[in-house]
PDB file of all heavy atoms in Angstrom:
ATOM      1  N   ALA A   1       0.805  -1.226   0.000  1.00  0.00           N
ATOM      2  CA  ALA A   1       0.000   0.000   0.000  1.00  0.00           C
ATOM      3  C   ALA A   1       0.836   1.272   0.000  1.00  0.00           C
ATOM      4  O   ALA A   1       0.481   2.257  -0.665  1.00  0.00           O
ATOM      5  CB  ALA A   1      -0.933   0.002   1.213  1.00  0.00           C
ATOM      6  N   SER A   2       1.947   1.289   0.730  1.00  0.00           N
ATOM      7  CA  SER A   2       2.747   2.518   0.857  1.00  0.00           C
ATOM      8  C   SER A   2       4.175   2.173   1.236  1.00  0.00           C
ATOM      9  O   SER A   2       4.597   2.380   2.375  1.00  0.00           O
ATOM     10  CB  SER A   2       2.111   3.434   1.923  1.00  0.00           C
ATOM     11  OG  SER A   2       2.799   4.653   2.028  1.00  0.00           O
ATOM     12  N   PRO A   3       4.955   1.631   0.278  1.00  0.00           N
ATOM     13  CA  PRO A   3       6.300   1.140   0.605  1.00  0.00           C
ATOM     14  C   PRO A   3       7.235   2.211   1.159  1.00  0.00           C
ATOM     15  O   PRO A   3       8.127   1.910   1.955  1.00  0.00           O
ATOM     16  CB  PRO A   3       6.814   0.596  -0.730  1.00  0.00           C
ATOM     17  CG  PRO A   3       5.931   1.192  -1.769  1.00  0.00           C
ATOM     18  CD  PRO A   3       4.601   1.390  -1.126  1.00  0.00           C
ATOM     19  N   GLY A   4       7.020   3.462   0.779  1.00  0.00           N
ATOM     20  CA  GLY A   4       7.888   4.528   1.258  1.00  0.00           C
ATOM     21  C   GLY A   4       7.831   4.714   2.756  1.00  0.00           C
ATOM     22  O   GLY A   4       8.806   5.172   3.375  1.00  0.00           O
ATOM     23  N   ARG A   5       6.715   4.324   3.368  1.00  0.00           N
ATOM     24  CA  ARG A   5       6.560   4.501   4.817  1.00  0.00           C
ATOM     25  C   ARG A   5       7.386   3.500   5.608  1.00  0.00           C
ATOM     26  O   ARG A   5       7.522   3.634   6.822  1.00  0.00           O
ATOM     27  CB  ARG A   5       5.080   4.387   5.194  1.00  0.00           C
ATOM     28  CG  ARG A   5       4.246   5.542   4.655  1.00  0.00           C
ATOM     29  CD  ARG A   5       2.768   5.244   4.700  1.00  0.00           C
ATOM     30  NE  ARG A   5       2.257   5.158   6.051  1.00  0.00           N
ATOM     31  CZ  ARG A   5       0.994   4.828   6.344  1.00  0.00           C
ATOM     32  NH1 ARG A   5       0.148   4.546   5.378  1.00  0.00           N
ATOM     33  NH2 ARG A   5       0.604   4.778   7.602  1.00  0.00           N
ATOM     34  N   LEU A   6       7.931   2.488   4.929  1.00  0.00           N
ATOM     35  CA  LEU A   6       8.752   1.501   5.625  1.00  0.00           C
ATOM     36  C   LEU A   6      10.198   1.944   5.790  1.00  0.00           C
ATOM     37  O   LEU A   6      10.977   1.272   6.470  1.00  0.00           O
ATOM     38  CB  LEU A   6       8.727   0.167   4.868  1.00  0.00           C
ATOM     39  CG  LEU A   6       7.443  -0.664   5.010  1.00  0.00           C
ATOM     40  CD1 LEU A   6       7.478  -1.856   4.078  1.00  0.00           C
ATOM     41  CD2 LEU A   6       7.247  -1.111   6.457  1.00  0.00           C
ATOM     42  N   ARG A   7      10.575   3.068   5.190  1.00  0.00           N
ATOM     43  CA  ARG A   7      11.954   3.532   5.333  1.00  0.00           C
ATOM     44  C   ARG A   7      12.233   3.870   6.797  1.00  0.00           C
ATOM     45  O   ARG A   7      11.429   4.478   7.488  1.00  0.00           O
ATOM     46  CB  ARG A   7      12.199   4.777   4.469  1.00  0.00           C
ATOM     47  CG  ARG A   7      12.113   4.520   2.978  1.00  0.00           C
ATOM     48  CD  ARG A   7      12.666   5.707   2.199  1.00  0.00           C
ATOM     49  NE  ARG A   7      12.444   5.555   0.769  1.00  0.00           N
ATOM     50  CZ  ARG A   7      11.456   6.111   0.094  1.00  0.00           C
ATOM     51  NH1 ARG A   7      10.578   6.877   0.739  1.00  0.00           N
ATOM     52  NH2 ARG A   7      11.318   5.909  -1.199  1.00  0.00           N
ATOM     53  N   ILE A   8      13.415   3.479   7.252  1.00  0.00           N
ATOM     54  CA  ILE A   8      13.812   3.752   8.632  1.00  0.00           C
ATOM     55  C   ILE A   8      15.304   4.075   8.645  1.00  0.00           C
ATOM     56  O   ILE A   8      16.087   3.444   7.921  1.00  0.00           O
ATOM     57  CB  ILE A   8      13.504   2.548   9.555  1.00  0.00           C
ATOM     58  CG1 ILE A   8      13.808   2.876  11.015  1.00  0.00           C
ATOM     59  CG2 ILE A   8      14.221   1.301   9.098  1.00  0.00           C
ATOM     60  CD1 ILE A   8      13.323   1.823  11.994  1.00  0.00           C
ATOM     61  N   SER A   9      15.696   5.065   9.433  1.00  0.00           N
ATOM     62  CA  SER A   9      17.102   5.447   9.517  1.00  0.00           C
ATOM     63  C   SER A   9      17.772   4.685  10.648  1.00  0.00           C
ATOM     64  O   SER A   9      17.119   4.219  11.589  1.00  0.00           O
ATOM     65  CB  SER A   9      17.218   6.954   9.760  1.00  0.00           C
ATOM     66  OG  SER A   9      16.723   7.303  11.036  1.00  0.00           O
ATOM     67  N   TRP A  10      19.107   4.573  10.558  1.00  0.00           N
ATOM     68  CA  TRP A  10      19.857   3.900  11.613  1.00  0.00           C
ATOM     69  C   TRP A  10      19.695   4.608  12.953  1.00  0.00           C
ATOM     70  O   TRP A  10      19.748   3.979  14.013  1.00  0.00           O
ATOM     71  CB  TRP A  10      21.337   3.807  11.240  1.00  0.00           C
ATOM     72  CG  TRP A  10      21.620   2.769  10.208  1.00  0.00           C
ATOM     73  CD1 TRP A  10      21.959   2.955   8.905  1.00  0.00           C
ATOM     74  CD2 TRP A  10      21.577   1.351  10.404  1.00  0.00           C
ATOM     75  NE1 TRP A  10      22.121   1.748   8.263  1.00  0.00           N
ATOM     76  CE2 TRP A  10      21.899   0.738   9.169  1.00  0.00           C
ATOM     77  CE3 TRP A  10      21.295   0.527  11.496  1.00  0.00           C
ATOM     78  CZ2 TRP A  10      21.942  -0.637   8.995  1.00  0.00           C
ATOM     79  CZ3 TRP A  10      21.336  -0.843  11.337  1.00  0.00           C
ATOM     80  CH2 TRP A  10      21.657  -1.418  10.103  1.00  0.00           C
ATOM     81  N   ARG A  11      19.474   5.907  12.908  1.00  0.00           N
ATOM     82  CA  ARG A  11      19.308   6.668  14.148  1.00  0.00           C
ATOM     83  C   ARG A  11      18.041   6.251  14.901  1.00  0.00           C
ATOM     84  O   ARG A  11      17.967   6.359  16.127  1.00  0.00           O
ATOM     85  CB  ARG A  11      19.257   8.158  13.815  1.00  0.00           C
ATOM     86  CG  ARG A  11      19.241   9.073  15.029  1.00  0.00           C
ATOM     87  CD  ARG A  11      19.315  10.531  14.615  1.00  0.00           C
ATOM     88  NE  ARG A  11      18.182  10.914  13.774  1.00  0.00           N
ATOM     89  CZ  ARG A  11      18.009  12.118  13.246  1.00  0.00           C
ATOM     90  NH1 ARG A  11      18.918  13.059  13.438  1.00  0.00           N
ATOM     91  NH2 ARG A  11      16.957  12.382  12.505  1.00  0.00           N
ATOM     92  N   GLU A  12      17.043   5.765  14.162  1.00  0.00           N
ATOM     93  CA  GLU A  12      15.783   5.358  14.790  1.00  0.00           C
ATOM     94  C   GLU A  12      15.837   3.950  15.374  1.00  0.00           C
ATOM     95  O   GLU A  12      14.985   3.589  16.196  1.00  0.00           O
ATOM     96  CB  GLU A  12      14.643   5.410  13.759  1.00  0.00           C
ATOM     97  CG  GLU A  12      14.326   6.786  13.232  1.00  0.00           C
ATOM     98  CD  GLU A  12      13.262   6.715  12.140  1.00  0.00           C
ATOM     99  OE1 GLU A  12      13.626   6.462  10.976  1.00  0.00           O
ATOM    100  OE2 GLU A  12      12.066   6.894  12.458  1.00  0.00           O
ATOM    101  N   VAL A  13      16.806   3.156  14.936  1.00  0.00           N
ATOM    102  CA  VAL A  13      16.830   1.736  15.302  1.00  0.00           C
ATOM    103  C   VAL A  13      16.883   1.505  16.816  1.00  0.00           C
ATOM    104  O   VAL A  13      16.115   0.679  17.345  1.00  0.00           O
ATOM    105  CB  VAL A  13      17.990   1.012  14.592  1.00  0.00           C
ATOM    106  CG1 VAL A  13      18.175  -0.399  15.145  1.00  0.00           C
ATOM    107  CG2 VAL A  13      17.730   0.957  13.087  1.00  0.00           C
ATOM    108  N   PRO A  14      17.760   2.191  17.589  1.00  0.00           N
ATOM    109  CA  PRO A  14      17.775   1.929  19.040  1.00  0.00           C
ATOM    110  C   PRO A  14      16.434   2.187  19.713  1.00  0.00           C
ATOM    111  O   PRO A  14      15.991   1.387  20.557  1.00  0.00           O
ATOM    112  CB  PRO A  14      18.853   2.894  19.553  1.00  0.00           C
ATOM    113  CG  PRO A  14      19.739   3.131  18.375  1.00  0.00           C
ATOM    114  CD  PRO A  14      18.829   3.139  17.197  1.00  0.00           C
ATOM    115  N   PHE A  15      15.783   3.284  19.331  1.00  0.00           N
ATOM    116  CA  PHE A  15      14.477   3.590  19.931  1.00  0.00           C
ATOM    117  C   PHE A  15      13.452   2.513  19.579  1.00  0.00           C
ATOM    118  O   PHE A  15      12.725   2.008  20.445  1.00  0.00           O
ATOM    119  CB  PHE A  15      13.971   4.951  19.452  1.00  0.00           C
ATOM    120  CG  PHE A  15      12.550   5.246  19.874  1.00  0.00           C
ATOM    121  CD1 PHE A  15      12.285   5.718  21.144  1.00  0.00           C
ATOM    122  CD2 PHE A  15      11.486   5.013  19.007  1.00  0.00           C
ATOM    123  CE1 PHE A  15      10.972   5.975  21.554  1.00  0.00           C
ATOM    124  CE2 PHE A  15      10.179   5.260  19.403  1.00  0.00           C
ATOM    125  CZ  PHE A  15       9.927   5.742  20.682  1.00  0.00           C
ATOM    126  N   VAL A  16      13.400   2.138  18.292  1.00  0.00           N
ATOM    127  CA  VAL A  16      12.444   1.121  17.851  1.00  0.00           C
ATOM    128  C   VAL A  16      12.723  -0.207  18.541  1.00  0.00           C
ATOM    129  O   VAL A  16      11.793  -0.940  18.912  1.00  0.00           O
ATOM    130  CB  VAL A  16      12.493   0.971  16.313  1.00  0.00           C
ATOM    131  CG1 VAL A  16      11.723  -0.271  15.877  1.00  0.00           C
ATOM    132  CG2 VAL A  16      11.919   2.207  15.640  1.00  0.00           C
ATOM    133  N   ALA A  17      14.013  -0.527  18.751  1.00  0.00           N
ATOM    134  CA  ALA A  17      14.372  -1.777  19.411  1.00  0.00           C
ATOM    135  C   ALA A  17      13.836  -1.811  20.842  1.00  0.00           C
ATOM    136  O   ALA A  17      13.224  -2.800  21.272  1.00  0.00           O
ATOM    137  CB  ALA A  17      15.888  -1.959  19.402  1.00  0.00           C
ATOM    138  N   VAL A  18      14.039  -0.734  21.595  1.00  0.00           N
ATOM    139  CA  VAL A  18      13.538  -0.669  22.976  1.00  0.00           C
ATOM    140  C   VAL A  18      12.015  -0.701  22.986  1.00  0.00           C
ATOM    141  O   VAL A  18      11.391  -1.422  23.779  1.00  0.00           O
ATOM    142  CB  VAL A  18      14.063   0.596  23.683  1.00  0.00           C
ATOM    143  CG1 VAL A  18      13.417   0.752  25.054  1.00  0.00           C
ATOM    144  CG2 VAL A  18      15.581   0.541  23.818  1.00  0.00           C
ATOM    145  N   PHE A  19      11.419   0.063  22.106  1.00  0.00           N
ATOM    146  CA  PHE A  19       9.959   0.130  22.013  1.00  0.00           C
ATOM    147  C   PHE A  19       9.385  -1.252  21.710  1.00  0.00           C
ATOM    148  O   PHE A  19       8.405  -1.687  22.338  1.00  0.00           O
ATOM    149  CB  PHE A  19       9.579   1.125  20.917  1.00  0.00           C
ATOM    150  CG  PHE A  19       8.104   1.401  20.808  1.00  0.00           C
ATOM    151  CD1 PHE A  19       7.356   1.770  21.911  1.00  0.00           C
ATOM    152  CD2 PHE A  19       7.464   1.311  19.575  1.00  0.00           C
ATOM    153  CE1 PHE A  19       6.000   2.045  21.800  1.00  0.00           C
ATOM    154  CE2 PHE A  19       6.113   1.583  19.455  1.00  0.00           C
ATOM    155  CZ  PHE A  19       5.370   1.946  20.567  1.00  0.00           C
ATOM    156  N   GLY A  20      10.005  -1.959  20.770  1.00  0.00           N
ATOM    157  CA  GLY A  20       9.497  -3.261  20.379  1.00  0.00           C
ATOM    158  C   GLY A  20       9.732  -4.336  21.418  1.00  0.00           C
ATOM    159  O   GLY A  20       8.852  -5.162  21.682  1.00  0.00           O
ATOM    160  N   VAL A  21      10.916  -4.322  22.045  1.00  0.00           N
ATOM    161  CA  VAL A  21      11.237  -5.370  23.011  1.00  0.00           C
ATOM    162  C   VAL A  21      10.441  -5.184  24.304  1.00  0.00           C
ATOM    163  O   VAL A  21       9.787  -6.111  24.792  1.00  0.00           O
ATOM    164  CB  VAL A  21      12.752  -5.400  23.303  1.00  0.00           C
ATOM    165  CG1 VAL A  21      13.054  -6.342  24.467  1.00  0.00           C
ATOM    166  CG2 VAL A  21      13.519  -5.843  22.056  1.00  0.00           C
ATOM    167  N   VAL A  22      10.482  -3.978  24.869  1.00  0.00           N
ATOM    168  CA  VAL A  22       9.806  -3.735  26.144  1.00  0.00           C
ATOM    169  C   VAL A  22       8.294  -3.607  25.952  1.00  0.00           C
ATOM    170  O   VAL A  22       7.497  -4.247  26.647  1.00  0.00           O
ATOM    171  CB  VAL A  22      10.361  -2.472  26.828  1.00  0.00           C
ATOM    172  CG1 VAL A  22       9.595  -2.193  28.131  1.00  0.00           C
ATOM    173  CG2 VAL A  22      11.842  -2.639  27.121  1.00  0.00           C
ATOM    174  N   GLY A  23       7.906  -2.768  24.992  1.00  0.00           N
ATOM    175  CA  GLY A  23       6.487  -2.456  24.834  1.00  0.00           C
ATOM    176  C   GLY A  23       5.667  -3.543  24.183  1.00  0.00           C
ATOM    177  O   GLY A  23       4.466  -3.669  24.462  1.00  0.00           O
ATOM    178  N   VAL A  24       6.285  -4.336  23.303  1.00  0.00           N
ATOM    179  CA  VAL A  24       5.527  -5.355  22.578  1.00  0.00           C
ATOM    180  C   VAL A  24       5.913  -6.764  23.013  1.00  0.00           C
ATOM    181  O   VAL A  24       5.075  -7.520  23.515  1.00  0.00           O
ATOM    182  CB  VAL A  24       5.729  -5.192  21.047  1.00  0.00           C
ATOM    183  CG1 VAL A  24       4.986  -6.294  20.296  1.00  0.00           C
ATOM    184  CG2 VAL A  24       5.246  -3.819  20.582  1.00  0.00           C
ATOM    185  N   ALA A  25       7.194  -7.127  22.847  1.00  0.00           N
ATOM    186  CA  ALA A  25       7.624  -8.506  23.120  1.00  0.00           C
ATOM    187  C   ALA A  25       7.377  -8.905  24.572  1.00  0.00           C
ATOM    188  O   ALA A  25       6.805  -9.971  24.851  1.00  0.00           O
ATOM    189  CB  ALA A  25       9.096  -8.668  22.762  1.00  0.00           C
ATOM    190  N   LEU A  26       7.819  -8.082  25.515  1.00  0.00           N
ATOM    191  CA  LEU A  26       7.700  -8.449  26.929  1.00  0.00           C
ATOM    192  C   LEU A  26       6.272  -8.286  27.442  1.00  0.00           C
ATOM    193  O   LEU A  26       5.818  -9.073  28.282  1.00  0.00           O
ATOM    194  CB  LEU A  26       8.672  -7.619  27.773  1.00  0.00           C
ATOM    195  CG  LEU A  26      10.151  -7.889  27.503  1.00  0.00           C
ATOM    196  CD1 LEU A  26      11.030  -7.057  28.434  1.00  0.00           C
ATOM    197  CD2 LEU A  26      10.481  -9.379  27.659  1.00  0.00           C
ATOM    198  N   THR A  27       5.554  -7.271  26.961  1.00  0.00           N
ATOM    199  CA  THR A  27       4.160  -7.106  27.384  1.00  0.00           C
ATOM    200  C   THR A  27       3.349  -8.345  27.033  1.00  0.00           C
ATOM    201  O   THR A  27       2.606  -8.886  27.860  1.00  0.00           O
ATOM    202  CB  THR A  27       3.536  -5.869  26.724  1.00  0.00           C
ATOM    203  OG1 THR A  27       4.256  -4.704  27.110  1.00  0.00           O
ATOM    204  CG2 THR A  27       2.076  -5.707  27.146  1.00  0.00           C
ATOM    205  N   GLN A  28       3.490  -8.813  25.794  1.00  0.00           N
ATOM    206  CA  GLN A  28       2.713  -9.967  25.363  1.00  0.00           C
ATOM    207  C   GLN A  28       3.158 -11.240  26.092  1.00  0.00           C
ATOM    208  O   GLN A  28       2.324 -12.049  26.510  1.00  0.00           O
ATOM    209  CB  GLN A  28       2.848 -10.147  23.854  1.00  0.00           C
ATOM    210  CG  GLN A  28       2.204  -9.009  23.075  1.00  0.00           C
ATOM    211  CD  GLN A  28       2.174  -9.271  21.581  1.00  0.00           C
ATOM    212  OE1 GLN A  28       2.006 -10.393  21.137  1.00  0.00           O
ATOM    213  NE2 GLN A  28       2.324  -8.223  20.793  1.00  0.00           N
ATOM    214  N   PHE A  29       4.459 -11.410  26.257  1.00  0.00           N
ATOM    215  CA  PHE A  29       4.957 -12.601  26.951  1.00  0.00           C
ATOM    216  C   PHE A  29       4.436 -12.650  28.386  1.00  0.00           C
ATOM    217  O   PHE A  29       3.940 -13.688  28.859  1.00  0.00           O
ATOM    218  CB  PHE A  29       6.483 -12.594  26.947  1.00  0.00           C
ATOM    219  CG  PHE A  29       7.099 -13.574  27.909  1.00  0.00           C
ATOM    220  CD1 PHE A  29       6.979 -14.945  27.702  1.00  0.00           C
ATOM    221  CD2 PHE A  29       7.779 -13.133  29.034  1.00  0.00           C
ATOM    222  CE1 PHE A  29       7.533 -15.856  28.602  1.00  0.00           C
ATOM    223  CE2 PHE A  29       8.342 -14.032  29.927  1.00  0.00           C
ATOM    224  CZ  PHE A  29       8.214 -15.398  29.707  1.00  0.00           C
ATOM    225  N   LEU A  30       4.530 -11.541  29.104  1.00  0.00           N
ATOM    226  CA  LEU A  30       4.089 -11.503  30.497  1.00  0.00           C
ATOM    227  C   LEU A  30       2.581 -11.712  30.605  1.00  0.00           C
ATOM    228  O   LEU A  30       2.087 -12.330  31.555  1.00  0.00           O
ATOM    229  CB  LEU A  30       4.508 -10.181  31.141  1.00  0.00           C
ATOM    230  CG  LEU A  30       6.023 -10.036  31.368  1.00  0.00           C
ATOM    231  CD1 LEU A  30       6.384  -8.574  31.612  1.00  0.00           C
ATOM    232  CD2 LEU A  30       6.473 -10.905  32.535  1.00  0.00           C
ATOM    233  N   TYR A  31       1.837 -11.199  29.628  1.00  0.00           N
ATOM    234  CA  TYR A  31       0.392 -11.429  29.607  1.00  0.00           C
ATOM    235  C   TYR A  31       0.093 -12.911  29.453  1.00  0.00           C
ATOM    236  O   TYR A  31      -0.783 -13.457  30.138  1.00  0.00           O
ATOM    237  CB  TYR A  31      -0.235 -10.629  28.470  1.00  0.00           C
ATOM    238  CG  TYR A  31      -1.693 -10.944  28.231  1.00  0.00           C
ATOM    239  CD1 TYR A  31      -2.666 -10.608  29.164  1.00  0.00           C
ATOM    240  CD2 TYR A  31      -2.101 -11.595  27.064  1.00  0.00           C
ATOM    241  CE1 TYR A  31      -4.008 -10.900  28.939  1.00  0.00           C
ATOM    242  CE2 TYR A  31      -3.432 -11.886  26.837  1.00  0.00           C
ATOM    243  CZ  TYR A  31      -4.378 -11.539  27.766  1.00  0.00           C
ATOM    244  OH  TYR A  31      -5.703 -11.832  27.555  1.00  0.00           O
ATOM    245  N   TYR A  32       0.833 -13.586  28.592  1.00  0.00           N
ATOM    246  CA  TYR A  32       0.623 -15.021  28.409  1.00  0.00           C
ATOM    247  C   TYR A  32       0.989 -15.801  29.663  1.00  0.00           C
ATOM    248  O   TYR A  32       0.331 -16.789  30.016  1.00  0.00           O
ATOM    249  CB  TYR A  32       1.418 -15.530  27.209  1.00  0.00           C
ATOM    250  CG  TYR A  32       0.797 -15.170  25.877  1.00  0.00           C
ATOM    251  CD1 TYR A  32       1.578 -14.935  24.755  1.00  0.00           C
ATOM    252  CD2 TYR A  32      -0.584 -15.075  25.739  1.00  0.00           C
ATOM    253  CE1 TYR A  32       1.010 -14.602  23.531  1.00  0.00           C
ATOM    254  CE2 TYR A  32      -1.162 -14.735  24.533  1.00  0.00           C
ATOM    255  CZ  TYR A  32      -0.369 -14.507  23.430  1.00  0.00           C
ATOM    256  OH  TYR A  32      -0.945 -14.191  22.233  1.00  0.00           O
ATOM    257  N   VAL A  33       2.047 -15.381  30.343  1.00  0.00           N
ATOM    258  CA  VAL A  33       2.386 -16.014  31.611  1.00  0.00           C
ATOM    259  C   VAL A  33       1.235 -15.822  32.601  1.00  0.00           C
ATOM    260  O   VAL A  33       0.837 -16.761  33.315  1.00  0.00           O
ATOM    261  CB  VAL A  33       3.690 -15.435  32.194  1.00  0.00           C
ATOM    262  CG1 VAL A  33       3.932 -15.963  33.610  1.00  0.00           C
ATOM    263  CG2 VAL A  33       4.885 -15.797  31.306  1.00  0.00           C
ATOM    264  N   ALA A  34       0.679 -14.611  32.636  1.00  0.00           N
ATOM    265  CA  ALA A  34      -0.398 -14.311  33.573  1.00  0.00           C
ATOM    266  C   ALA A  34      -1.645 -15.134  33.287  1.00  0.00           C
ATOM    267  O   ALA A  34      -2.237 -15.719  34.203  1.00  0.00           O
ATOM    268  CB  ALA A  34      -0.727 -12.815  33.538  1.00  0.00           C
ATOM    269  N   ILE A  35      -2.066 -15.214  32.009  1.00  0.00           N
ATOM    270  CA  ILE A  35      -3.307 -15.959  31.723  1.00  0.00           C
ATOM    271  C   ILE A  35      -3.094 -17.463  31.832  1.00  0.00           C
ATOM    272  O   ILE A  35      -4.063 -18.216  31.922  1.00  0.00           O
ATOM    273  CB  ILE A  35      -3.889 -15.609  30.334  1.00  0.00           C
ATOM    274  CG1 ILE A  35      -2.964 -16.071  29.204  1.00  0.00           C
ATOM    275  CG2 ILE A  35      -4.220 -14.140  30.247  1.00  0.00           C
ATOM    276  CD1 ILE A  35      -3.584 -15.903  27.828  1.00  0.00           C
ATOM    277  N   GLY A  36      -1.829 -17.895  31.855  1.00  0.00           N
ATOM    278  CA  GLY A  36      -1.573 -19.306  32.106  1.00  0.00           C
ATOM    279  C   GLY A  36      -1.759 -19.675  33.556  1.00  0.00           C
ATOM    280  O   GLY A  36      -1.859 -20.872  33.892  1.00  0.00           O
TER     281      GLY A  36
END
């Protein structure tokens, strides 16, 4: 739909990494532990 929006600079990578690991990966994992 909009390939240009996928461009990302190296400067953004550390922020996206923290955002994805803490905000997404760990949130979902801990939720699954909780509902188990």
